Amino acid sequence: MIKPISISDFLQLTNTVALADVRTPAEFEQGHIPGAFNLPLFSNEERVQVGTTYKKIGREEAILLGFDLTGSKWSGFIKQALVMAPDKKIGVHCWRGGMRSGAMAWALDLYGFEVYLIEGGYKRYRRWVLDQFEARYPLWLLGGMTGSGKTKILHQLKGLEEQVIDLEDLAHHQGSAYGTMNKLVQPTQEQFENNLANQLKNLDRHRTLWVEDESLKIGKLIMPNPFWRQMQEAVLIDMQVDLEQRINALVEEYGTLDEEFLVSCTERIHKRLGPLQTKQAVAAIRENRMADFIRLVLVYYDKTYRTALARRKEDRVFPITMTSDDVVGNASQLLNFSSSLPMPEQAV
């Protein structure tokens, strides 16, 4: 049985129903619904062939070519679907709910699957994604200079059943020139947005959402503008941590990274550091004086943070002094402190 279903309704089923994205591997890699698996009707090259035929000759010839190209693949499609959906319940979509998903739904239905055909396809899903960023969320921002331990505290808050979204984790980047940690590969902009929307949809919009204070860009990725504007208006709790404590934390985090990676990242920000500080920082890296290296680059990052903080409304910034590196204790201190603050605006 084939059941047409809206994207919003299907997203309520994603924990129990597998989702097959029948677009090409290239389309899937560019962006897909989180949790979907790729069951491409056409290869990248075949899709070009079919599209060219459609434009130059016509719809019927394109359909015939499509059947020629997929004729020997159908049993393979069904076998792959059985692996991913052994209970024979499956969602199917293509770009806009057209012939590709229709053909796959027909074949799976013929075999005995219960098929949910996503109306409007991935194009409709992307519209849904952008709508999530327009919604209002009761945000609390966790701020602080580089090395304050914000990410660790966010993870601790999540363990305490607070609502948390780790934007840097979604972006696969730690938010500075050194943010890839020489190993992280960032998702596409489209996939970053999809992943963020996927987390937002699971929230209780009447409970506080904690996120880390971020720039508009995280590595090569750009924060969705409506959501970022909300972040700029939100209450910010500014964690104030001693410089030496921050340096020690950063040495532990970055001190074992590849020397050439650190040098390359430092040289990329030479205009911001200035020629003398860049030279001194590179020398410190080469000589394994990691604390000196961190101290030098923090001059730039601390100045940048103070500049951004100064742009915020004073009545939306609440400083809290953290004197310990105990993450559990700091998270508890933060929760106690936040309980005395005005509640974030409720979602609308």
C-alpha atoms as a PDB file:
ATOM      1  CA  MET A   1       0.000   0.000   0.000  1.00  0.00           C
ATOM      2  CA  ILE A   2       1.263   3.475  -0.908  1.00  0.00           C
ATOM      3  CA  LYS A   3       0.319   6.206   1.565  1.00  0.00           C
ATOM      4  CA  PRO A   4       1.026   9.833   0.588  1.00  0.00           C
ATOM      5  CA  ILE A   5       2.203  11.701   3.694  1.00  0.00           C
ATOM      6  CA  SER A   6       3.351  15.226   4.523  1.00  0.00           C
ATOM      7  CA  ILE A   7       6.923  15.748   5.652  1.00  0.00           C
ATOM      8  CA  SER A   8       5.839  17.036   9.065  1.00  0.00           C
ATOM      9  CA  ASP A   9       3.717  13.933   9.659  1.00  0.00           C
ATOM     10  CA  PHE A  10       6.436  11.569   8.465  1.00  0.00           C
ATOM     11  CA  LEU A  11       9.027  13.148  10.750  1.00  0.00           C
ATOM     12  CA  GLN A  12       6.939  11.896  13.658  1.00  0.00           C
ATOM     13  CA  LEU A  13       7.567   8.350  12.396  1.00  0.00           C
ATOM     14  CA  THR A  14      11.318   8.489  11.762  1.00  0.00           C
ATOM     15  CA  ASN A  15      12.162   6.514  14.905  1.00  0.00           C
ATOM     16  CA  THR A  16      10.129   3.554  13.668  1.00  0.00           C
ATOM     17  CA  VAL A  17      10.026   3.817   9.851  1.00  0.00           C
ATOM     18  CA  ALA A  18      13.129   3.726   7.623  1.00  0.00           C
ATOM     19  CA  LEU A  19      13.470   6.439   4.989  1.00  0.00           C
ATOM     20  CA  ALA A  20      14.838   5.837   1.489  1.00  0.00           C
ATOM     21  CA  ASP A  21      16.197   8.832  -0.410  1.00  0.00           C
ATOM     22  CA  VAL A  22      16.147   7.777  -4.072  1.00  0.00           C
ATOM     23  CA  ARG A  23      18.057  10.799  -5.372  1.00  0.00           C
ATOM     24  CA  THR A  24      21.573  10.425  -6.748  1.00  0.00           C
ATOM     25  CA  PRO A  25      24.604   9.978  -4.473  1.00  0.00           C
ATOM     26  CA  ALA A  26      25.710  13.546  -5.301  1.00  0.00           C
ATOM     27  CA  GLU A  27      22.343  14.993  -4.287  1.00  0.00           C
ATOM     28  CA  PHE A  28      22.351  12.920  -1.105  1.00  0.00           C
ATOM     29  CA  GLU A  29      25.856  14.059  -0.185  1.00  0.00           C
ATOM     30  CA  GLN A  30      24.897  17.696  -0.672  1.00  0.00           C
ATOM     31  CA  GLY A  31      22.136  17.349   1.893  1.00  0.00           C
ATOM     32  CA  HIS A  32      19.663  14.768   3.139  1.00  0.00           C
ATOM     33  CA  ILE A  33      17.108  14.186   5.849  1.00  0.00           C
ATOM     34  CA  PRO A  34      18.982  13.002   8.970  1.00  0.00           C
ATOM     35  CA  GLY A  35      18.587   9.253   9.338  1.00  0.00           C
ATOM     36  CA  ALA A  36      17.715   8.624   5.683  1.00  0.00           C
ATOM     37  CA  PHE A  37      19.645   6.078   3.633  1.00  0.00           C
ATOM     38  CA  ASN A  38      20.518   6.512  -0.018  1.00  0.00           C
ATOM     39  CA  LEU A  39      18.780   4.165  -2.465  1.00  0.00           C
ATOM     40  CA  PRO A  40      19.579   5.971  -5.727  1.00  0.00           C
ATOM     41  CA  LEU A  41      17.361   5.153  -8.665  1.00  0.00           C
ATOM     42  CA  PHE A  42      19.994   6.647 -10.985  1.00  0.00           C
ATOM     43  CA  SER A  43      23.721   7.181 -10.685  1.00  0.00           C
ATOM     44  CA  ASN A  44      24.988  10.747 -10.992  1.00  0.00           C
ATOM     45  CA  GLU A  45      25.799  10.192 -14.662  1.00  0.00           C
ATOM     46  CA  GLU A  46      22.499   8.461 -15.436  1.00  0.00           C
ATOM     47  CA  ARG A  47      20.516  11.341 -13.995  1.00  0.00           C
ATOM     48  CA  VAL A  48      22.329  13.712 -16.350  1.00  0.00           C
ATOM     49  CA  GLN A  49      21.464  11.444 -19.281  1.00  0.00           C
ATOM     50  CA  VAL A  50      17.787  11.317 -18.359  1.00  0.00           C
ATOM     51  CA  GLY A  51      17.607  15.050 -17.743  1.00  0.00           C
ATOM     52  CA  THR A  52      19.257  15.846 -21.056  1.00  0.00           C
ATOM     53  CA  THR A  53      16.881  13.509 -22.883  1.00  0.00           C
ATOM     54  CA  TYR A  54      13.888  15.129 -21.186  1.00  0.00           C
ATOM     55  CA  LYS A  55      14.975  18.610 -22.261  1.00  0.00           C
ATOM     56  CA  LYS A  56      16.080  17.790 -25.798  1.00  0.00           C
ATOM     57  CA  ILE A  57      13.597  15.092 -26.840  1.00  0.00           C
ATOM     58  CA  GLY A  58      10.753  14.896 -24.369  1.00  0.00           C
ATOM     59  CA  ARG A  59       9.160  13.317 -21.342  1.00  0.00           C
ATOM     60  CA  GLU A  60       8.227   9.967 -22.881  1.00  0.00           C
ATOM     61  CA  GLU A  61      11.720   9.322 -24.241  1.00  0.00           C
ATOM     62  CA  ALA A  62      13.187  10.224 -20.859  1.00  0.00           C
ATOM     63  CA  ILE A  63      10.875   7.739 -19.137  1.00  0.00           C
ATOM     64  CA  LEU A  64      11.852   4.980 -21.572  1.00  0.00           C
ATOM     65  CA  LEU A  65      15.529   5.736 -21.014  1.00  0.00           C
ATOM     66  CA  GLY A  66      14.941   5.609 -17.272  1.00  0.00           C
ATOM     67  CA  PHE A  67      13.462   2.126 -17.548  1.00  0.00           C
ATOM     68  CA  ASP A  68      16.351   1.024 -19.770  1.00  0.00           C
ATOM     69  CA  LEU A  69      18.875   2.270 -17.221  1.00  0.00           C
ATOM     70  CA  THR A  70      17.170   0.699 -14.207  1.00  0.00           C
ATOM     71  CA  GLY A  71      15.814  -2.487 -15.776  1.00  0.00           C
ATOM     72  CA  SER A  72      18.334  -4.813 -14.148  1.00  0.00           C
ATOM     73  CA  LYS A  73      18.451  -2.929 -10.839  1.00  0.00           C
ATOM     74  CA  TRP A  74      14.997  -3.504  -9.396  1.00  0.00           C
ATOM     75  CA  SER A  75      15.693  -6.703  -7.491  1.00  0.00           C
ATOM     76  CA  GLY A  76      18.749  -5.003  -5.998  1.00  0.00           C
ATOM     77  CA  PHE A  77      16.660  -2.027  -4.902  1.00  0.00           C
ATOM     78  CA  ILE A  78      14.205  -4.312  -3.140  1.00  0.00           C
ATOM     79  CA  LYS A  79      16.968  -6.303  -1.437  1.00  0.00           C
ATOM     80  CA  GLN A  80      18.595  -3.096  -0.154  1.00  0.00           C
ATOM     81  CA  ALA A  81      15.240  -1.872   1.116  1.00  0.00           C
ATOM     82  CA  LEU A  82      14.690  -5.162   2.953  1.00  0.00           C
ATOM     83  CA  VAL A  83      18.026  -4.764   4.735  1.00  0.00           C
ATOM     84  CA  MET A  84      17.146  -1.254   5.900  1.00  0.00           C
ATOM     85  CA  ALA A  85      13.458  -1.962   6.560  1.00  0.00           C
ATOM     86  CA  PRO A  86      13.045  -5.647   7.450  1.00  0.00           C
ATOM     87  CA  ASP A  87       9.553  -4.936   8.778  1.00  0.00           C
ATOM     88  CA  LYS A  88       8.671  -3.770   5.243  1.00  0.00           C
ATOM     89  CA  LYS A  89       7.594  -0.300   6.357  1.00  0.00           C
ATOM     90  CA  ILE A  90       9.440   2.426   4.491  1.00  0.00           C
ATOM     91  CA  GLY A  91       9.280   6.089   3.532  1.00  0.00           C
ATOM     92  CA  VAL A  92      10.382   7.147   0.053  1.00  0.00           C
ATOM     93  CA  HIS A  93      11.230  10.522  -1.426  1.00  0.00           C
ATOM     94  CA  CYS A  94      13.102  12.153  -4.288  1.00  0.00           C
ATOM     95  CA  TRP A  95      13.690  15.843  -5.026  1.00  0.00           C
ATOM     96  CA  ARG A  96      10.073  16.973  -5.250  1.00  0.00           C
ATOM     97  CA  GLY A  97       7.935  13.863  -5.022  1.00  0.00           C
ATOM     98  CA  GLY A  98       7.991  13.115  -8.731  1.00  0.00           C
ATOM     99  CA  MET A  99       8.735  10.182 -10.978  1.00  0.00           C
ATOM    100  CA  ARG A 100      11.776   8.785  -9.184  1.00  0.00           C
ATOM    101  CA  SER A 101      10.068   8.323  -5.835  1.00  0.00           C
ATOM    102  CA  GLY A 102       6.847   7.299  -7.577  1.00  0.00           C
ATOM    103  CA  ALA A 103       8.616   4.511  -9.465  1.00  0.00           C
ATOM    104  CA  MET A 104      10.400   3.241  -6.360  1.00  0.00           C
ATOM    105  CA  ALA A 105       7.198   3.368  -4.321  1.00  0.00           C
ATOM    106  CA  TRP A 106       5.408   1.355  -7.026  1.00  0.00           C
ATOM    107  CA  ALA A 107       8.088  -1.368  -7.012  1.00  0.00           C
ATOM    108  CA  LEU A 108       8.246  -1.635  -3.229  1.00  0.00           C
ATOM    109  CA  ASP A 109       4.465  -1.681  -2.960  1.00  0.00           C
ATOM    110  CA  LEU A 110       4.349  -4.460  -5.562  1.00  0.00           C
ATOM    111  CA  TYR A 111       6.721  -6.503  -3.389  1.00  0.00           C
ATOM    112  CA  GLY A 112       4.545  -5.984  -0.326  1.00  0.00           C
ATOM    113  CA  PHE A 113       6.037  -2.988   1.467  1.00  0.00           C
ATOM    114  CA  GLU A 114       3.921  -0.461   3.306  1.00  0.00           C
ATOM    115  CA  VAL A 115       5.203   2.674   1.579  1.00  0.00           C
ATOM    116  CA  TYR A 116       4.950   6.245   2.856  1.00  0.00           C
ATOM    117  CA  LEU A 117       5.437   8.546  -0.130  1.00  0.00           C
ATOM    118  CA  ILE A 118       6.700  11.955   1.019  1.00  0.00           C
ATOM    119  CA  GLU A 119       4.622  14.693  -0.580  1.00  0.00           C
ATOM    120  CA  GLY A 120       6.769  17.381  -2.178  1.00  0.00           C
ATOM    121  CA  GLY A 121       9.954  15.378  -1.569  1.00  0.00           C
ATOM    122  CA  TYR A 122      13.209  16.830  -0.334  1.00  0.00           C
ATOM    123  CA  LYS A 123      12.290  20.263  -1.695  1.00  0.00           C
ATOM    124  CA  ARG A 124       9.337  20.399   0.707  1.00  0.00           C
ATOM    125  CA  TYR A 125      11.575  19.155   3.515  1.00  0.00           C
ATOM    126  CA  ARG A 126      14.011  22.012   2.937  1.00  0.00           C
ATOM    127  CA  ARG A 127      11.139  24.467   3.265  1.00  0.00           C
ATOM    128  CA  TRP A 128      10.261  22.798   6.575  1.00  0.00           C
ATOM    129  CA  VAL A 129      13.901  23.148   7.706  1.00  0.00           C
ATOM    130  CA  LEU A 130      13.934  26.897   7.088  1.00  0.00           C
ATOM    131  CA  ASP A 131      10.638  27.242   8.947  1.00  0.00           C
ATOM    132  CA  GLN A 132      12.257  25.783  12.081  1.00  0.00           C
ATOM    133  CA  PHE A 133      14.704  28.685  12.218  1.00  0.00           C
ATOM    134  CA  GLU A 134      11.882  31.216  12.082  1.00  0.00           C
ATOM    135  CA  ALA A 135      10.239  29.774  15.200  1.00  0.00           C
ATOM    136  CA  ARG A 136      10.995  31.342  18.588  1.00  0.00           C
ATOM    137  CA  TYR A 137      13.011  29.476  21.214  1.00  0.00           C
ATOM    138  CA  PRO A 138      13.614  30.373  24.890  1.00  0.00           C
ATOM    139  CA  LEU A 139      17.398  30.679  24.603  1.00  0.00           C
ATOM    140  CA  TRP A 140      20.130  31.025  27.165  1.00  0.00           C
ATOM    141  CA  LEU A 141      23.577  31.611  25.698  1.00  0.00           C
ATOM    142  CA  LEU A 142      26.681  30.375  27.446  1.00  0.00           C
ATOM    143  CA  GLY A 143      29.532  32.788  26.789  1.00  0.00           C
ATOM    144  CA  GLY A 144      33.099  33.195  27.917  1.00  0.00           C
ATOM    145  CA  MET A 145      36.558  33.712  26.516  1.00  0.00           C
ATOM    146  CA  THR A 146      38.339  30.936  24.639  1.00  0.00           C
ATOM    147  CA  GLY A 147      39.348  28.166  27.025  1.00  0.00           C
ATOM    148  CA  SER A 148      36.585  28.812  29.557  1.00  0.00           C
ATOM    149  CA  GLY A 149      35.274  25.266  29.194  1.00  0.00           C
ATOM    150  CA  LYS A 150      31.895  26.184  27.735  1.00  0.00           C
ATOM    151  CA  THR A 151      31.485  23.030  25.662  1.00  0.00           C
ATOM    152  CA  LYS A 152      32.271  20.700  28.559  1.00  0.00           C
ATOM    153  CA  ILE A 153      29.746  22.489  30.743  1.00  0.00           C
ATOM    154  CA  LEU A 154      27.097  22.273  28.023  1.00  0.00           C
ATOM    155  CA  HIS A 155      27.623  18.518  27.869  1.00  0.00           C
ATOM    156  CA  GLN A 156      27.310  18.327  31.645  1.00  0.00           C
ATOM    157  CA  LEU A 157      24.085  20.337  31.505  1.00  0.00           C
ATOM    158  CA  LYS A 158      22.729  17.889  28.951  1.00  0.00           C
ATOM    159  CA  GLY A 159      23.544  15.073  31.344  1.00  0.00           C
ATOM    160  CA  LEU A 160      21.450  16.912  33.928  1.00  0.00           C
ATOM    161  CA  GLU A 161      18.436  16.751  31.568  1.00  0.00           C
ATOM    162  CA  GLU A 162      18.756  20.354  30.406  1.00  0.00           C
ATOM    163  CA  GLN A 163      17.939  21.087  26.762  1.00  0.00           C
ATOM    164  CA  VAL A 164      21.223  21.677  24.952  1.00  0.00           C
ATOM    165  CA  ILE A 165      22.301  22.015  21.330  1.00  0.00           C
ATOM    166  CA  ASP A 166      26.038  21.813  20.690  1.00  0.00           C
ATOM    167  CA  LEU A 167      26.429  23.944  17.562  1.00  0.00           C
ATOM    168  CA  GLU A 168      30.143  23.233  17.257  1.00  0.00           C
ATOM    169  CA  ASP A 169      29.488  19.507  17.324  1.00  0.00           C
ATOM    170  CA  LEU A 170      26.906  19.884  14.554  1.00  0.00           C
ATOM    171  CA  ALA A 171      29.387  21.987  12.564  1.00  0.00           C
ATOM    172  CA  HIS A 172      32.296  19.592  13.231  1.00  0.00           C
ATOM    173  CA  HIS A 173      34.370  22.604  14.163  1.00  0.00           C
ATOM    174  CA  GLN A 174      35.474  24.184  17.418  1.00  0.00           C
ATOM    175  CA  GLY A 175      34.941  27.737  16.325  1.00  0.00           C
ATOM    176  CA  SER A 176      38.447  29.161  15.913  1.00  0.00           C
ATOM    177  CA  ALA A 177      41.157  29.140  13.257  1.00  0.00           C
ATOM    178  CA  TYR A 178      42.266  25.838  14.820  1.00  0.00           C
ATOM    179  CA  GLY A 179      38.720  24.499  14.972  1.00  0.00           C
ATOM    180  CA  THR A 180      39.047  21.460  12.690  1.00  0.00           C
ATOM    181  CA  MET A 181      41.550  19.985  15.179  1.00  0.00           C
ATOM    182  CA  ASN A 182      43.355  18.643  12.074  1.00  0.00           C
ATOM    183  CA  LYS A 183      40.810  15.832  11.734  1.00  0.00           C
ATOM    184  CA  LEU A 184      37.251  17.115  11.586  1.00  0.00           C
ATOM    185  CA  VAL A 185      35.508  17.414   8.217  1.00  0.00           C
ATOM    186  CA  GLN A 186      32.653  19.883   8.165  1.00  0.00           C
ATOM    187  CA  PRO A 187      29.303  18.961   6.626  1.00  0.00           C
ATOM    188  CA  THR A 188      27.865  20.963   3.769  1.00  0.00           C
ATOM    189  CA  GLN A 189      25.960  24.115   4.666  1.00  0.00           C
ATOM    190  CA  GLU A 190      22.740  22.371   3.693  1.00  0.00           C
ATOM    191  CA  GLN A 191      23.423  19.337   5.874  1.00  0.00           C
ATOM    192  CA  PHE A 192      24.409  21.529   8.823  1.00  0.00           C
ATOM    193  CA  GLU A 193      21.041  23.265   8.565  1.00  0.00           C
ATOM    194  CA  ASN A 194      19.226  19.929   8.271  1.00  0.00           C
ATOM    195  CA  ASN A 195      20.969  18.554  11.347  1.00  0.00           C
ATOM    196  CA  LEU A 196      20.237  21.688  13.368  1.00  0.00           C
ATOM    197  CA  ALA A 197      16.566  21.681  12.368  1.00  0.00           C
ATOM    198  CA  ASN A 198      16.378  18.008  13.298  1.00  0.00           C
ATOM    199  CA  GLN A 199      17.502  18.815  16.837  1.00  0.00           C
ATOM    200  CA  LEU A 200      15.239  21.841  17.127  1.00  0.00           C
ATOM    201  CA  LYS A 201      12.155  19.799  16.214  1.00  0.00           C
ATOM    202  CA  ASN A 202      12.639  17.557  19.242  1.00  0.00           C
ATOM    203  CA  LEU A 203      12.659  20.407  21.754  1.00  0.00           C
ATOM    204  CA  ASP A 204      10.061  21.404  24.278  1.00  0.00           C
ATOM    205  CA  ARG A 205       9.710  25.055  23.290  1.00  0.00           C
ATOM    206  CA  HIS A 206       8.452  25.959  26.748  1.00  0.00           C
ATOM    207  CA  ARG A 207      11.727  24.919  28.383  1.00  0.00           C
ATOM    208  CA  THR A 208      15.029  26.762  28.242  1.00  0.00           C
ATOM    209  CA  LEU A 209      17.431  25.855  25.443  1.00  0.00           C
ATOM    210  CA  TRP A 210      21.147  26.245  26.195  1.00  0.00           C
ATOM    211  CA  VAL A 211      23.537  26.994  23.328  1.00  0.00           C
ATOM    212  CA  GLU A 212      27.079  28.290  23.212  1.00  0.00           C
ATOM    213  CA  ASP A 213      27.645  31.868  22.132  1.00  0.00           C
ATOM    214  CA  GLU A 214      28.921  31.606  18.552  1.00  0.00           C
ATOM    215  CA  SER A 215      29.963  33.875  15.730  1.00  0.00           C
ATOM    216  CA  LEU A 216      27.866  34.014  12.593  1.00  0.00           C
ATOM    217  CA  LYS A 217      30.381  31.623  11.019  1.00  0.00           C
ATOM    218  CA  ILE A 218      31.584  28.349  12.513  1.00  0.00           C
ATOM    219  CA  GLY A 219      34.486  27.397  10.301  1.00  0.00           C
ATOM    220  CA  LYS A 220      33.165  27.551   6.743  1.00  0.00           C
ATOM    221  CA  LEU A 221      29.536  27.218   7.837  1.00  0.00           C
ATOM    222  CA  ILE A 222      27.125  30.085   8.402  1.00  0.00           C
ATOM    223  CA  MET A 223      24.526  30.074  11.138  1.00  0.00           C
ATOM    224  CA  PRO A 224      20.946  30.284   9.804  1.00  0.00           C
ATOM    225  CA  ASN A 225      20.251  33.983  10.027  1.00  0.00           C
ATOM    226  CA  PRO A 226      16.857  33.946  11.821  1.00  0.00           C
ATOM    227  CA  PHE A 227      18.193  31.629  14.529  1.00  0.00           C
ATOM    228  CA  TRP A 228      21.413  33.612  14.874  1.00  0.00           C
ATOM    229  CA  ARG A 229      19.418  36.837  15.292  1.00  0.00           C
ATOM    230  CA  GLN A 230      17.587  35.198  18.184  1.00  0.00           C
ATOM    231  CA  MET A 231      20.944  34.319  19.702  1.00  0.00           C
ATOM    232  CA  GLN A 232      22.022  37.954  19.497  1.00  0.00           C
ATOM    233  CA  GLU A 233      18.919  39.034  21.411  1.00  0.00           C
ATOM    234  CA  ALA A 234      19.113  36.289  24.039  1.00  0.00           C
ATOM    235  CA  VAL A 235      20.332  36.457  27.622  1.00  0.00           C
ATOM    236  CA  LEU A 236      24.048  35.652  27.766  1.00  0.00           C
ATOM    237  CA  ILE A 237      25.737  34.204  30.828  1.00  0.00           C
ATOM    238  CA  ASP A 238      29.365  35.302  30.625  1.00  0.00           C
ATOM    239  CA  MET A 239      31.670  32.770  32.287  1.00  0.00           C
ATOM    240  CA  GLN A 240      34.680  34.600  33.662  1.00  0.00           C
ATOM    241  CA  VAL A 241      37.621  32.254  34.081  1.00  0.00           C
ATOM    242  CA  ASP A 242      41.179  33.089  35.137  1.00  0.00           C
ATOM    243  CA  LEU A 243      43.668  33.449  32.259  1.00  0.00           C
ATOM    244  CA  GLU A 244      46.095  30.845  33.604  1.00  0.00           C
ATOM    245  CA  GLN A 245      43.280  28.347  34.054  1.00  0.00           C
ATOM    246  CA  ARG A 246      42.209  28.913  30.450  1.00  0.00           C
ATOM    247  CA  ILE A 247      45.774  28.533  29.174  1.00  0.00           C
ATOM    248  CA  ASN A 248      46.171  25.229  31.019  1.00  0.00           C
ATOM    249  CA  ALA A 249      42.908  23.932  29.571  1.00  0.00           C
ATOM    250  CA  LEU A 250      43.897  24.920  26.029  1.00  0.00           C
ATOM    251  CA  VAL A 251      47.374  23.416  26.332  1.00  0.00           C
ATOM    252  CA  GLU A 252      45.727  20.142  27.297  1.00  0.00           C
ATOM    253  CA  GLU A 253      43.307  20.373  24.366  1.00  0.00           C
ATOM    254  CA  TYR A 254      45.607  21.632  21.613  1.00  0.00           C
ATOM    255  CA  GLY A 255      49.072  20.734  22.856  1.00  0.00           C
ATOM    256  CA  THR A 256      49.183  17.318  21.210  1.00  0.00           C
ATOM    257  CA  LEU A 257      48.049  18.488  17.773  1.00  0.00           C
ATOM    258  CA  ASP A 258      50.363  18.250  14.788  1.00  0.00           C
ATOM    259  CA  GLU A 259      52.995  20.985  14.765  1.00  0.00           C
ATOM    260  CA  GLU A 260      52.576  21.812  11.076  1.00  0.00           C
ATOM    261  CA  PHE A 261      48.815  22.074  11.486  1.00  0.00           C
ATOM    262  CA  LEU A 262      49.219  24.578  14.319  1.00  0.00           C
ATOM    263  CA  VAL A 263      51.770  26.606  12.367  1.00  0.00           C
ATOM    264  CA  SER A 264      49.569  26.660   9.267  1.00  0.00           C
ATOM    265  CA  CYS A 265      46.514  27.808  11.244  1.00  0.00           C
ATOM    266  CA  THR A 266      48.538  30.485  13.012  1.00  0.00           C
ATOM    267  CA  GLU A 267      49.927  31.840   9.761  1.00  0.00           C
ATOM    268  CA  ARG A 268      46.402  32.051   8.324  1.00  0.00           C
ATOM    269  CA  ILE A 269      45.477  34.612  10.982  1.00  0.00           C
ATOM    270  CA  HIS A 270      48.719  36.590  10.717  1.00  0.00           C
ATOM    271  CA  LYS A 271      46.877  39.769   9.722  1.00  0.00           C
ATOM    272  CA  ARG A 272      44.851  39.615  12.918  1.00  0.00           C
ATOM    273  CA  LEU A 273      47.745  38.664  15.156  1.00  0.00           C
ATOM    274  CA  GLY A 274      50.230  41.051  13.602  1.00  0.00           C
ATOM    275  CA  PRO A 275      53.664  40.129  12.201  1.00  0.00           C
ATOM    276  CA  LEU A 276      55.548  40.130  15.513  1.00  0.00           C
ATOM    277  CA  GLN A 277      53.022  38.051  17.451  1.00  0.00           C
ATOM    278  CA  THR A 278      52.707  35.625  14.543  1.00  0.00           C
ATOM    279  CA  LYS A 279      56.471  35.147  14.459  1.00  0.00           C
ATOM    280  CA  GLN A 280      56.595  34.659  18.224  1.00  0.00           C
ATOM    281  CA  ALA A 281      53.662  32.228  18.200  1.00  0.00           C
ATOM    282  CA  VAL A 282      55.195  30.101  15.425  1.00  0.00           C
ATOM    283  CA  ALA A 283      58.506  30.033  17.281  1.00  0.00           C
ATOM    284  CA  ALA A 284      56.729  28.904  20.448  1.00  0.00           C
ATOM    285  CA  ILE A 285      55.057  26.072  18.520  1.00  0.00           C
ATOM    286  CA  ARG A 286      58.367  24.981  16.980  1.00  0.00           C
ATOM    287  CA  GLU A 287      60.022  24.983  20.399  1.00  0.00           C
ATOM    288  CA  ASN A 288      57.103  23.158  22.032  1.00  0.00           C
ATOM    289  CA  ARG A 289      56.368  26.083  24.355  1.00  0.00           C
ATOM    290  CA  MET A 290      52.647  25.511  24.121  1.00  0.00           C
ATOM    291  CA  ALA A 291      51.656  27.743  27.019  1.00  0.00           C
ATOM    292  CA  ASP A 292      53.517  30.655  25.409  1.00  0.00           C
ATOM    293  CA  PHE A 293      51.849  29.948  22.064  1.00  0.00           C
ATOM    294  CA  ILE A 294      48.393  29.881  23.657  1.00  0.00           C
ATOM    295  CA  ARG A 295      49.070  33.074  25.604  1.00  0.00           C
ATOM    296  CA  LEU A 296      50.051  34.907  22.412  1.00  0.00           C
ATOM    297  CA  VAL A 297      47.017  33.917  20.340  1.00  0.00           C
ATOM    298  CA  LEU A 298      44.641  34.558  23.241  1.00  0.00           C
ATOM    299  CA  VAL A 299      45.499  38.247  22.992  1.00  0.00           C
ATOM    300  CA  TYR A 300      43.645  38.281  19.676  1.00  0.00           C
ATOM    301  CA  TYR A 301      40.799  35.945  20.671  1.00  0.00           C
ATOM    302  CA  ASP A 302      40.148  37.713  23.979  1.00  0.00           C
ATOM    303  CA  LYS A 303      40.015  41.076  22.233  1.00  0.00           C
ATOM    304  CA  THR A 304      37.574  39.683  19.667  1.00  0.00           C
ATOM    305  CA  TYR A 305      35.330  38.304  22.403  1.00  0.00           C
ATOM    306  CA  ARG A 306      35.315  41.577  24.347  1.00  0.00           C
ATOM    307  CA  THR A 307      34.417  43.481  21.182  1.00  0.00           C
ATOM    308  CA  ALA A 308      31.479  41.169  20.464  1.00  0.00           C
ATOM    309  CA  LEU A 309      30.335  41.320  24.090  1.00  0.00           C
ATOM    310  CA  ALA A 310      30.349  45.117  24.015  1.00  0.00           C
ATOM    311  CA  ARG A 311      27.797  45.070  21.180  1.00  0.00           C
ATOM    312  CA  ARG A 312      25.235  43.324  23.349  1.00  0.00           C
ATOM    313  CA  LYS A 313      22.706  45.111  25.509  1.00  0.00           C
ATOM    314  CA  GLU A 314      24.087  45.413  29.019  1.00  0.00           C
ATOM    315  CA  ASP A 315      20.865  44.213  30.613  1.00  0.00           C
ATOM    316  CA  ARG A 316      21.130  40.938  28.653  1.00  0.00           C
ATOM    317  CA  VAL A 317      24.627  40.009  29.883  1.00  0.00           C
ATOM    318  CA  PHE A 318      25.155  38.383  33.283  1.00  0.00           C
ATOM    319  CA  PRO A 319      28.733  37.628  34.399  1.00  0.00           C
ATOM    320  CA  ILE A 320      29.561  34.656  36.601  1.00  0.00           C
ATOM    321  CA  THR A 321      33.026  33.947  37.997  1.00  0.00           C
ATOM    322  CA  MET A 322      34.248  30.362  37.760  1.00  0.00           C
ATOM    323  CA  THR A 323      37.218  29.655  40.022  1.00  0.00           C
ATOM    324  CA  SER A 324      37.357  25.883  39.620  1.00  0.00           C
ATOM    325  CA  ASP A 325      38.021  23.550  36.706  1.00  0.00           C
ATOM    326  CA  ASP A 326      35.516  21.045  38.112  1.00  0.00           C
ATOM    327  CA  VAL A 327      32.973  20.650  35.301  1.00  0.00           C
ATOM    328  CA  VAL A 328      30.315  19.038  37.498  1.00  0.00           C
ATOM    329  CA  GLY A 329      30.588  21.750  40.131  1.00  0.00           C
ATOM    330  CA  ASN A 330      30.640  24.514  37.544  1.00  0.00           C
ATOM    331  CA  ALA A 331      27.501  23.182  35.865  1.00  0.00           C
ATOM    332  CA  SER A 332      25.702  23.139  39.214  1.00  0.00           C
ATOM    333  CA  GLN A 333      26.926  26.657  39.971  1.00  0.00           C
ATOM    334  CA  LEU A 334      25.675  27.798  36.578  1.00  0.00           C
ATOM    335  CA  LEU A 335      22.222  26.290  37.108  1.00  0.00           C
ATOM    336  CA  ASN A 336      21.917  27.894  40.532  1.00  0.00           C
ATOM    337  CA  PHE A 337      22.992  31.226  39.078  1.00  0.00           C
ATOM    338  CA  SER A 338      20.599  31.000  36.132  1.00  0.00           C
ATOM    339  CA  SER A 339      17.653  30.327  38.441  1.00  0.00           C
ATOM    340  CA  SER A 340      17.944  33.909  39.694  1.00  0.00           C
ATOM    341  CA  LEU A 341      17.862  35.419  36.200  1.00  0.00           C
ATOM    342  CA  PRO A 342      14.829  36.525  34.193  1.00  0.00           C
ATOM    343  CA  MET A 343      13.456  33.611  32.212  1.00  0.00           C
ATOM    344  CA  PRO A 344      14.075  33.629  28.457  1.00  0.00           C
ATOM    345  CA  GLU A 345      11.197  34.700  26.265  1.00  0.00           C
ATOM    346  CA  GLN A 346       8.782  31.859  25.718  1.00  0.00           C
ATOM    347  CA  ALA A 347       8.446  30.323  22.294  1.00  0.00           C
ATOM    348  CA  VAL A 348       5.714  31.612  20.026  1.00  0.00           C
END
